[in-house]
Amino acid sequence: MIALLRSLAFYLAFYGISVWLVLRALLALAVAPHRFARLPRKWAQAHRWCLTHLAGIRVREEGERPATPALYAFRHEAFFEAIELPGVLDWPVVFAKSELFSIPGWGRVARAYGTVPVDRDGGAKGLREMLVGARRFAAEGRPLAIFPEGTRTPHGVQAPLRPGFVGIYKATRLPVVPVAVNSGPLYHRWIKRPGTITIRFGTPIPPGLSRPEVEARVLAGINALNP
């Protein structure tokens, strides 16, 4: 019962704040664009506060991020890591499934922020559009963040990487930082469980490796927290 009440408090607070921040972002885009940049990080910070103080979930970050631009490959177990991205990285470009851009208000804000749509059913055309976005933002020096498994994967299960990951790796020529996350057991459920979620940044993998080698190293890195 306590976990249920804490989860309800988390949902009411976080999604209420989310609606408010989306409205603020839309207003900023219309009348004060210079104020827009700080709002995505505020969203991630609000999420972290709600997790800690309402759901009883603490977040531990391990490892270091490189000082230069990189491609961050995140393990994807829950919606948790997608929300946390603007807080754990500095103004990251996020690759997200195209269906999310149909959410009223949020879709416009996401495009303005620099989120790249991933059309999983778009075939070669969808892949080309994704690579164009990846090259453009990489040239601007922003960190890129992708979920190479393509969708959420249950904790303890190792899924193959989608072809788009290697395409971005080769197109941008950036080092890859595998990021292990063990959010699934605590977060990927209606009733959140108290405990600690770890975000572990692995050793950067240099550009220019063959597909089998970079895939093997990324798989090992993002699954470092799996049993």
Protein backbone atom coordinates (compact mmCIF):
# COMPACT_ATOMS: atom_id res chain seq x y z
CA MET A 1 0.00 0.00 0.00
CA ILE A 2 2.84 2.39 0.82
CA ALA A 3 4.51 1.69 -2.54
CA LEU A 4 1.18 2.31 -4.30
CA LEU A 5 0.67 5.65 -2.56
CA ARG A 6 4.25 6.74 -3.28
CA SER A 7 3.87 5.78 -6.92
CA LEU A 8 0.62 7.73 -7.24
CA ALA A 9 2.32 10.78 -5.71
CA PHE A 10 5.18 10.37 -8.18
CA TYR A 11 2.88 10.19 -11.21
CA LEU A 12 0.74 13.14 -10.15
CA ALA A 13 3.73 15.34 -9.39
CA PHE A 14 5.99 14.42 -12.29
CA TYR A 15 3.39 14.42 -15.06
CA GLY A 16 1.83 17.59 -13.71
CA ILE A 17 5.25 19.24 -13.83
CA SER A 18 5.81 17.80 -17.32
CA VAL A 19 2.66 19.43 -18.70
CA TRP A 20 3.62 22.73 -17.08
CA LEU A 21 7.15 22.61 -18.53
CA VAL A 22 5.91 21.74 -22.02
CA LEU A 23 3.61 24.77 -21.89
CA ARG A 24 6.51 26.92 -20.67
CA ALA A 25 8.68 25.59 -23.48
CA LEU A 26 6.05 26.38 -26.12
CA LEU A 27 5.72 29.89 -24.71
CA ALA A 28 9.49 30.34 -24.67
CA LEU A 29 9.75 29.25 -28.30
CA ALA A 30 7.15 31.85 -29.23
CA VAL A 31 8.31 34.88 -27.24
CA ALA A 32 11.69 34.20 -25.59
CA PRO A 33 13.72 31.51 -27.41
CA HIS A 34 16.82 32.22 -25.29
CA ARG A 35 14.97 30.79 -22.27
CA PHE A 36 14.13 27.49 -23.96
CA ALA A 37 17.52 25.80 -23.56
CA ARG A 38 17.31 25.44 -19.77
CA LEU A 39 13.88 23.78 -19.69
CA PRO A 40 14.81 20.21 -20.81
CA ARG A 41 17.36 19.99 -18.01
CA LYS A 42 14.77 21.29 -15.56
CA TRP A 43 12.48 18.46 -16.71
CA ALA A 44 15.17 15.87 -15.94
CA GLN A 45 15.94 17.51 -12.60
CA ALA A 46 12.25 17.48 -11.65
CA HIS A 47 12.11 13.80 -12.54
CA ARG A 48 15.11 13.04 -10.33
CA TRP A 49 13.56 14.98 -7.43
CA CYS A 50 10.24 13.16 -7.76
CA LEU A 51 12.01 9.81 -7.94
CA THR A 52 14.07 10.44 -4.82
CA HIS A 53 11.52 12.16 -2.60
CA LEU A 54 8.27 10.52 -3.71
CA ALA A 55 9.05 7.09 -5.20
CA GLY A 56 12.00 6.30 -2.93
CA ILE A 57 14.34 5.60 -5.87
CA ARG A 58 17.86 6.98 -5.73
CA VAL A 59 20.13 7.28 -8.76
CA ARG A 60 23.86 6.56 -8.68
CA GLU A 61 26.12 7.63 -11.54
CA GLU A 62 29.45 5.86 -12.10
CA GLY A 63 32.27 6.43 -14.57
CA GLU A 64 33.30 9.54 -16.45
CA ARG A 65 32.12 11.23 -19.61
CA PRO A 66 34.74 12.28 -22.17
CA ALA A 67 35.36 16.02 -22.53
CA THR A 68 34.98 15.82 -26.31
CA PRO A 69 31.80 14.98 -28.30
CA ALA A 70 30.81 11.32 -28.31
CA LEU A 71 28.03 8.93 -29.22
CA TYR A 72 26.45 7.57 -26.03
CA ALA A 73 24.84 4.13 -26.39
CA PHE A 74 22.39 3.62 -23.52
CA ARG A 75 20.94 0.36 -22.30
CA HIS A 76 17.14 0.81 -22.51
CA GLU A 77 15.07 -0.92 -19.83
CA ALA A 78 12.47 1.72 -18.97
CA PHE A 79 11.26 5.23 -19.77
CA PHE A 80 13.61 6.29 -16.97
CA GLU A 81 16.73 6.70 -19.11
CA ALA A 82 14.94 8.71 -21.80
CA ILE A 83 13.80 11.26 -19.22
CA GLU A 84 17.18 11.39 -17.48
CA LEU A 85 19.21 12.13 -20.63
CA PRO A 86 19.06 15.97 -20.46
CA GLY A 87 20.25 15.76 -16.87
CA VAL A 88 23.15 13.33 -17.19
CA LEU A 89 24.52 14.77 -20.46
CA ASP A 90 25.16 18.34 -21.56
CA TRP A 91 22.47 19.33 -24.14
CA PRO A 92 22.37 15.91 -25.79
CA VAL A 93 20.80 15.12 -29.15
CA VAL A 94 18.40 12.22 -28.60
CA PHE A 95 17.21 9.67 -31.15
CA ALA A 96 13.58 8.80 -30.41
CA LYS A 97 10.91 6.76 -32.17
CA SER A 98 8.90 8.88 -34.59
CA GLU A 99 5.56 8.00 -32.94
CA LEU A 100 6.42 10.19 -29.95
CA PHE A 101 6.42 13.31 -32.12
CA SER A 102 2.64 13.06 -32.50
CA ILE A 103 2.16 13.93 -28.80
CA PRO A 104 0.52 17.39 -28.76
CA GLY A 105 2.97 20.09 -27.75
CA TRP A 106 5.74 17.66 -26.85
CA GLY A 107 6.48 16.88 -30.49
CA ARG A 108 7.13 20.52 -31.34
CA VAL A 109 9.29 20.99 -28.26
CA ALA A 110 11.29 17.83 -29.06
CA ARG A 111 12.04 18.99 -32.61
CA ALA A 112 13.11 22.43 -31.39
CA TYR A 113 15.39 20.78 -28.84
CA GLY A 114 17.12 18.69 -31.49
CA THR A 115 15.54 15.28 -31.04
CA VAL A 116 16.00 13.11 -34.15
CA PRO A 117 12.99 11.00 -35.22
CA VAL A 118 13.65 7.30 -35.78
CA ASP A 119 11.17 5.79 -38.23
CA ARG A 120 11.51 2.09 -37.47
CA ASP A 121 9.27 1.18 -40.41
CA GLY A 122 10.70 3.74 -42.82
CA GLY A 123 13.29 1.44 -44.41
CA ALA A 124 16.21 3.02 -46.27
CA LYS A 125 14.54 6.44 -46.44
CA GLY A 126 14.07 6.58 -42.68
CA LEU A 127 17.68 5.51 -42.12
CA ARG A 128 19.00 8.20 -44.49
CA GLU A 129 17.02 10.92 -42.71
CA MET A 130 18.32 9.74 -39.35
CA LEU A 131 21.93 9.80 -40.57
CA VAL A 132 21.51 13.31 -41.97
CA GLY A 133 20.38 14.49 -38.55
CA ALA A 134 23.22 12.64 -36.83
CA ARG A 135 25.89 14.22 -39.06
CA ARG A 136 24.43 17.71 -38.65
CA PHE A 137 24.34 17.62 -34.87
CA ALA A 138 27.70 15.88 -34.59
CA ALA A 139 29.21 18.73 -36.63
CA GLU A 140 27.78 21.17 -34.06
CA GLY A 141 29.70 19.38 -31.30
CA ARG A 142 26.67 18.19 -29.32
CA PRO A 143 26.77 14.74 -27.68
CA LEU A 144 24.54 12.16 -29.35
CA ALA A 145 22.48 9.68 -27.31
CA ILE A 146 20.92 6.56 -28.78
CA PHE A 147 19.25 3.39 -27.54
CA PRO A 148 20.97 0.86 -29.84
CA GLU A 149 18.62 -1.99 -28.93
CA GLY A 150 15.83 0.00 -30.58
CA THR A 151 13.26 -0.58 -27.86
CA ARG A 152 12.99 -1.36 -24.16
CA THR A 153 14.54 -4.68 -23.19
CA PRO A 154 13.72 -6.50 -19.93
CA HIS A 155 16.44 -6.57 -17.31
CA GLY A 156 18.54 -9.69 -17.64
CA VAL A 157 17.79 -10.07 -21.36
CA GLN A 158 20.43 -9.22 -23.97
CA ALA A 159 18.97 -8.00 -27.26
CA PRO A 160 20.86 -7.54 -30.57
CA LEU A 161 21.66 -4.01 -31.70
CA ARG A 162 19.63 -2.40 -34.47
CA PRO A 163 21.43 -1.59 -37.78
CA GLY A 164 20.88 2.14 -37.28
CA PHE A 165 23.43 2.23 -34.47
CA VAL A 166 26.34 1.15 -36.68
CA GLY A 167 25.16 3.55 -39.37
CA ILE A 168 25.37 6.48 -36.94
CA TYR A 169 28.72 5.25 -35.59
CA LYS A 170 30.25 5.15 -39.06
CA ALA A 171 28.58 8.35 -40.31
CA THR A 172 29.63 10.54 -37.38
CA ARG A 173 33.07 8.98 -36.73
CA LEU A 174 32.65 9.62 -33.03
CA PRO A 175 33.86 7.47 -30.15
CA VAL A 176 31.12 5.43 -28.50
CA VAL A 177 30.51 5.46 -24.75
CA PRO A 178 28.45 2.41 -23.69
CA VAL A 179 26.15 3.24 -20.78
CA ALA A 180 24.78 0.45 -18.60
CA VAL A 181 21.50 1.08 -16.76
CA ASN A 182 19.58 -1.26 -14.44
CA SER A 183 16.31 0.67 -14.22
CA GLY A 184 13.97 -2.17 -15.22
CA PRO A 185 13.35 -3.95 -11.87
CA LEU A 186 12.50 -0.71 -10.03
CA TYR A 187 11.04 1.61 -12.66
CA HIS A 188 9.43 -0.41 -15.45
CA ARG A 189 6.21 -1.14 -13.60
CA TRP A 190 3.12 0.82 -12.59
CA ILE A 191 4.04 0.59 -8.92
CA LYS A 192 7.62 1.78 -8.52
CA ARG A 193 9.88 -0.12 -6.15
CA PRO A 194 12.23 1.80 -3.83
CA GLY A 195 15.94 1.18 -4.27
CA THR A 196 18.91 2.43 -6.28
CA ILE A 197 19.26 2.69 -10.05
CA THR A 198 22.81 2.80 -11.39
CA ILE A 199 23.91 4.62 -14.54
CA ARG A 200 27.40 3.41 -15.43
CA PHE A 201 29.45 5.15 -18.14
CA GLY A 202 31.90 2.72 -19.71
CA THR A 203 35.26 3.17 -21.39
CA PRO A 204 35.01 5.05 -24.71
CA ILE A 205 35.29 2.87 -27.82
CA PRO A 206 37.28 4.51 -30.63
CA PRO A 207 35.79 5.22 -34.07
CA GLY A 208 36.74 3.24 -37.15
CA LEU A 209 36.23 -0.30 -35.83
CA SER A 210 34.52 -3.01 -37.83
CA ARG A 211 30.83 -3.68 -37.28
CA PRO A 212 31.32 -6.99 -35.42
CA GLU A 213 33.93 -5.52 -33.10
CA VAL A 214 32.07 -2.32 -32.17
CA GLU A 215 28.80 -4.23 -31.70
CA ALA A 216 30.44 -6.77 -29.43
CA ARG A 217 32.09 -4.08 -27.30
CA VAL A 218 28.93 -2.00 -27.04
CA LEU A 219 26.82 -5.04 -26.11
CA ALA A 220 29.26 -5.94 -23.36
CA GLY A 221 29.32 -2.37 -22.08
CA ILE A 222 25.59 -1.69 -21.96
CA ASN A 223 24.91 -5.06 -20.34
CA ALA A 224 27.52 -4.65 -17.60
CA LEU A 225 24.79 -4.35 -14.95
CA ASN A 226 22.74 -7.32 -16.13
CA PRO A 227 22.88 -10.52 -14.05
